[in-house]
C-alpha atoms as a PDB file:
ATOM      1  CA  GLN A   1     -30.468 -16.870  16.286  1.00  0.00           C
ATOM      2  CA  VAL A   2     -30.090 -14.538  13.340  1.00  0.00           C
ATOM      3  CA  GLN A   3     -27.344 -14.720  10.754  1.00  0.00           C
ATOM      4  CA  LEU A   4     -26.531 -11.807   8.461  1.00  0.00           C
ATOM      5  CA  VAL A   5     -24.494 -11.794   5.270  1.00  0.00           C
ATOM      6  CA  GLU A   6     -23.582  -8.613   3.405  1.00  0.00           C
ATOM      7  CA  SER A   7     -22.615  -8.224  -0.218  1.00  0.00           C
ATOM      8  CA  GLY A   8     -22.189  -5.568  -2.866  1.00  0.00           C
ATOM      9  CA  GLY A   9     -19.211  -3.607  -1.656  1.00  0.00           C
ATOM     10  CA  GLY A  10     -16.441  -2.518  -3.951  1.00  0.00           C
ATOM     11  CA  LEU A  11     -14.337   0.289  -5.333  1.00  0.00           C
ATOM     12  CA  VAL A  12     -16.229   3.202  -6.865  1.00  0.00           C
ATOM     13  CA  GLN A  13     -15.408   6.706  -8.002  1.00  0.00           C
ATOM     14  CA  ALA A  14     -16.692   9.730  -6.138  1.00  0.00           C
ATOM     15  CA  GLY A  15     -20.074  10.837  -7.373  1.00  0.00           C
ATOM     16  CA  ARG A  16     -21.144   7.339  -8.351  1.00  0.00           C
ATOM     17  CA  SER A  17     -23.643   5.015  -6.717  1.00  0.00           C
ATOM     18  CA  LEU A  18     -23.464   1.633  -5.071  1.00  0.00           C
ATOM     19  CA  ARG A  19     -25.954  -0.640  -3.370  1.00  0.00           C
ATOM     20  CA  VAL A  20     -24.993  -2.960  -0.574  1.00  0.00           C
ATOM     21  CA  SER A  21     -27.250  -5.821   0.418  1.00  0.00           C
ATOM     22  CA  CYS A  22     -27.785  -7.954   3.474  1.00  0.00           C
ATOM     23  CA  VAL A  23     -29.626 -11.245   3.748  1.00  0.00           C
ATOM     24  CA  ALA A  24     -30.876 -12.487   7.114  1.00  0.00           C
ATOM     25  CA  SER A  25     -31.516 -16.088   8.016  1.00  0.00           C
ATOM     26  CA  GLY A  26     -32.445 -18.063  11.078  1.00  0.00           C
ATOM     27  CA  THR A  27     -35.098 -16.711  13.449  1.00  0.00           C
ATOM     28  CA  THR A  28     -35.854 -13.711  11.275  1.00  0.00           C
ATOM     29  CA  PHE A  29     -39.353 -13.343  12.733  1.00  0.00           C
ATOM     30  CA  LEU A  30     -37.708 -11.946  15.856  1.00  0.00           C
ATOM     31  CA  ILE A  31     -36.271  -8.942  14.017  1.00  0.00           C
ATOM     32  CA  ASN A  32     -37.953  -5.600  14.607  1.00  0.00           C
ATOM     33  CA  ALA A  33     -35.352  -3.296  13.078  1.00  0.00           C
ATOM     34  CA  MET A  34     -32.325  -3.436  10.844  1.00  0.00           C
ATOM     35  CA  ALA A  35     -29.486  -1.047  10.271  1.00  0.00           C
ATOM     36  CA  TRP A  36     -26.292  -0.313   8.435  1.00  0.00           C
ATOM     37  CA  TYR A  37     -23.187   0.748  10.287  1.00  0.00           C
ATOM     38  CA  ARG A  38     -19.815   1.657   8.883  1.00  0.00           C
ATOM     39  CA  GLN A  39     -16.322   1.902  10.231  1.00  0.00           C
ATOM     40  CA  ALA A  40     -13.493   3.799   8.621  1.00  0.00           C
ATOM     41  CA  THR A  41      -9.905   2.904   9.388  1.00  0.00           C
ATOM     42  CA  GLY A  42      -8.879   4.369  12.719  1.00  0.00           C
ATOM     43  CA  LYS A  43     -12.365   5.613  13.526  1.00  0.00           C
ATOM     44  CA  GLN A  44     -15.306   4.494  15.611  1.00  0.00           C
ATOM     45  CA  ARG A  45     -18.107   2.495  14.100  1.00  0.00           C
ATOM     46  CA  GLU A  46     -21.061   4.739  13.342  1.00  0.00           C
ATOM     47  CA  LEU A  47     -24.718   4.158  12.608  1.00  0.00           C
ATOM     48  CA  VAL A  48     -25.425   5.114   9.016  1.00  0.00           C
ATOM     49  CA  ALA A  49     -29.091   4.237   8.635  1.00  0.00           C
ATOM     50  CA  SER A  50     -31.788   2.205  10.338  1.00  0.00           C
ATOM     51  CA  ILE A  51     -35.268   1.002   9.529  1.00  0.00           C
ATOM     52  CA  THR A  52     -37.926  -0.464  11.804  1.00  0.00           C
ATOM     53  CA  ASN A  53     -40.626  -3.003  11.016  1.00  0.00           C
ATOM     54  CA  GLY A  54     -43.017  -0.060  10.916  1.00  0.00           C
ATOM     55  CA  GLY A  55     -40.971   1.621   8.211  1.00  0.00           C
ATOM     56  CA  ASN A  56     -39.467   4.405  10.288  1.00  0.00           C
ATOM     57  CA  THR A  57     -36.027   5.375   9.044  1.00  0.00           C
ATOM     58  CA  ASN A  58     -33.163   7.343  10.504  1.00  0.00           C
ATOM     59  CA  TYR A  59     -29.974   8.511   8.855  1.00  0.00           C
ATOM     60  CA  LEU A  60     -26.620   9.846   9.811  1.00  0.00           C
ATOM     61  CA  ASP A  61     -26.664  13.578   9.062  1.00  0.00           C
ATOM     62  CA  SER A  62     -23.810  13.341   6.588  1.00  0.00           C
ATOM     63  CA  VAL A  63     -25.669  10.835   4.402  1.00  0.00           C
ATOM     64  CA  LYS A  64     -29.155  12.351   4.466  1.00  0.00           C
ATOM     65  CA  GLY A  65     -30.408  12.935   0.971  1.00  0.00           C
ATOM     66  CA  ARG A  66     -27.781  10.640  -0.507  1.00  0.00           C
ATOM     67  CA  PHE A  67     -28.388   7.234   1.072  1.00  0.00           C
ATOM     68  CA  SER A  68     -31.599   5.267   1.308  1.00  0.00           C
ATOM     69  CA  ILE A  69     -32.271   2.197   3.424  1.00  0.00           C
ATOM     70  CA  SER A  70     -34.991  -0.263   2.501  1.00  0.00           C
ATOM     71  CA  ARG A  71     -36.183  -3.728   3.446  1.00  0.00           C
ATOM     72  CA  ASN A  72     -37.755  -6.579   1.602  1.00  0.00           C
ATOM     73  CA  ARG A  73     -39.113  -8.670   4.423  1.00  0.00           C
ATOM     74  CA  ALA A  74     -40.290 -11.425   2.097  1.00  0.00           C
ATOM     75  CA  LYS A  75     -36.671 -11.885   1.062  1.00  0.00           C
ATOM     76  CA  ASN A  76     -35.342 -11.274   4.585  1.00  0.00           C
ATOM     77  CA  SER A  77     -33.157  -8.594   3.086  1.00  0.00           C
ATOM     78  CA  VAL A  78     -32.119  -5.046   3.770  1.00  0.00           C
ATOM     79  CA  TYR A  79     -30.426  -2.705   1.323  1.00  0.00           C
ATOM     80  CA  LEU A  80     -28.501   0.518   1.438  1.00  0.00           C
ATOM     81  CA  GLU A  81     -28.555   2.551  -1.746  1.00  0.00           C
ATOM     82  CA  MET A  82     -25.648   4.959  -1.698  1.00  0.00           C
ATOM     83  CA  ASN A  83     -25.679   7.839  -4.148  1.00  0.00           C
ATOM     84  CA  SER A  84     -23.315  10.733  -4.774  1.00  0.00           C
ATOM     85  CA  LEU A  85     -20.614   8.867  -2.936  1.00  0.00           C
ATOM     86  CA  LYS A  86     -17.779  10.775  -1.349  1.00  0.00           C
ATOM     87  CA  PRO A  87     -14.344   9.611  -0.223  1.00  0.00           C
ATOM     88  CA  GLU A  88     -15.489  10.112   3.378  1.00  0.00           C
ATOM     89  CA  ASP A  89     -18.009   7.322   2.831  1.00  0.00           C
ATOM     90  CA  THR A  90     -15.163   4.823   2.601  1.00  0.00           C
ATOM     91  CA  GLY A  91     -15.252   2.096   5.192  1.00  0.00           C
ATOM     92  CA  VAL A  92     -16.427  -1.352   6.088  1.00  0.00           C
ATOM     93  CA  TYR A  93     -20.200  -1.460   6.018  1.00  0.00           C
ATOM     94  CA  TYR A  94     -21.919  -3.778   8.469  1.00  0.00           C
ATOM     95  CA  CYS A  95     -25.473  -5.009   8.498  1.00  0.00           C
ATOM     96  CA  ALA A  96     -27.109  -5.263  11.910  1.00  0.00           C
ATOM     97  CA  ALA A  97     -30.405  -6.556  13.285  1.00  0.00           C
ATOM     98  CA  ARG A  98     -32.341  -5.775  16.445  1.00  0.00           C
ATOM     99  CA  VAL A  99     -34.812  -8.232  17.910  1.00  0.00           C
ATOM    100  CA  TRP A 100     -37.917  -7.810  20.021  1.00  0.00           C
ATOM    101  CA  GLU A 101     -37.387  -6.876  23.671  1.00  0.00           C
ATOM    102  CA  GLU A 102     -33.884  -5.604  23.007  1.00  0.00           C
ATOM    103  CA  SER A 103     -32.732  -2.021  22.608  1.00  0.00           C
ATOM    104  CA  GLU A 104     -29.402  -2.730  20.943  1.00  0.00           C
ATOM    105  CA  TYR A 105     -28.433  -4.192  17.605  1.00  0.00           C
ATOM    106  CA  SER A 106     -27.084  -7.538  18.708  1.00  0.00           C
ATOM    107  CA  TYR A 107     -26.682  -9.410  15.421  1.00  0.00           C
ATOM    108  CA  TRP A 108     -24.013  -8.472  12.920  1.00  0.00           C
ATOM    109  CA  GLY A 109     -22.793  -9.439   9.517  1.00  0.00           C
ATOM    110  CA  GLN A 110     -19.167  -9.865   8.548  1.00  0.00           C
ATOM    111  CA  GLY A 111     -18.986  -6.527   6.755  1.00  0.00           C
ATOM    112  CA  THR A 112     -18.345  -5.490   3.186  1.00  0.00           C
ATOM    113  CA  GLN A 113     -15.703  -2.997   2.115  1.00  0.00           C
ATOM    114  CA  VAL A 114     -16.740   0.166   0.300  1.00  0.00           C
ATOM    115  CA  THR A 115     -13.958   2.327  -1.071  1.00  0.00           C
ATOM    116  CA  VAL A 116     -14.669   5.639  -2.769  1.00  0.00           C
ATOM    117  CA  SER A 117     -11.835   7.103  -4.811  1.00  0.00           C
ATOM    118  CA  SER A 118     -11.379  10.780  -5.589  1.00  0.00           C
END
């Protein structure tokens, strides 16, 4: 079992930066990819960024060039650096983990709120 805990959310002004963090515990050796999702009020949850054990990354088109996902496997952590934030980035950000032999992200954190003001 994998447990995920996010932190670092908050209220920021548009144009500023924020980093959210996620710490994994439990059977972390089973993880082969991690990701950040977000969900705005009244909207579907969307994949923001992902990173595999091999270092391959993928980003939502609207955040390319602004957000960067990284992992520190020694610390069992994953980070999302968010730059040039826009009000449309507002939402609850969730950390997720995928394990070997699975195609879906099946482990989730509790979420951390990110609010970007105009």
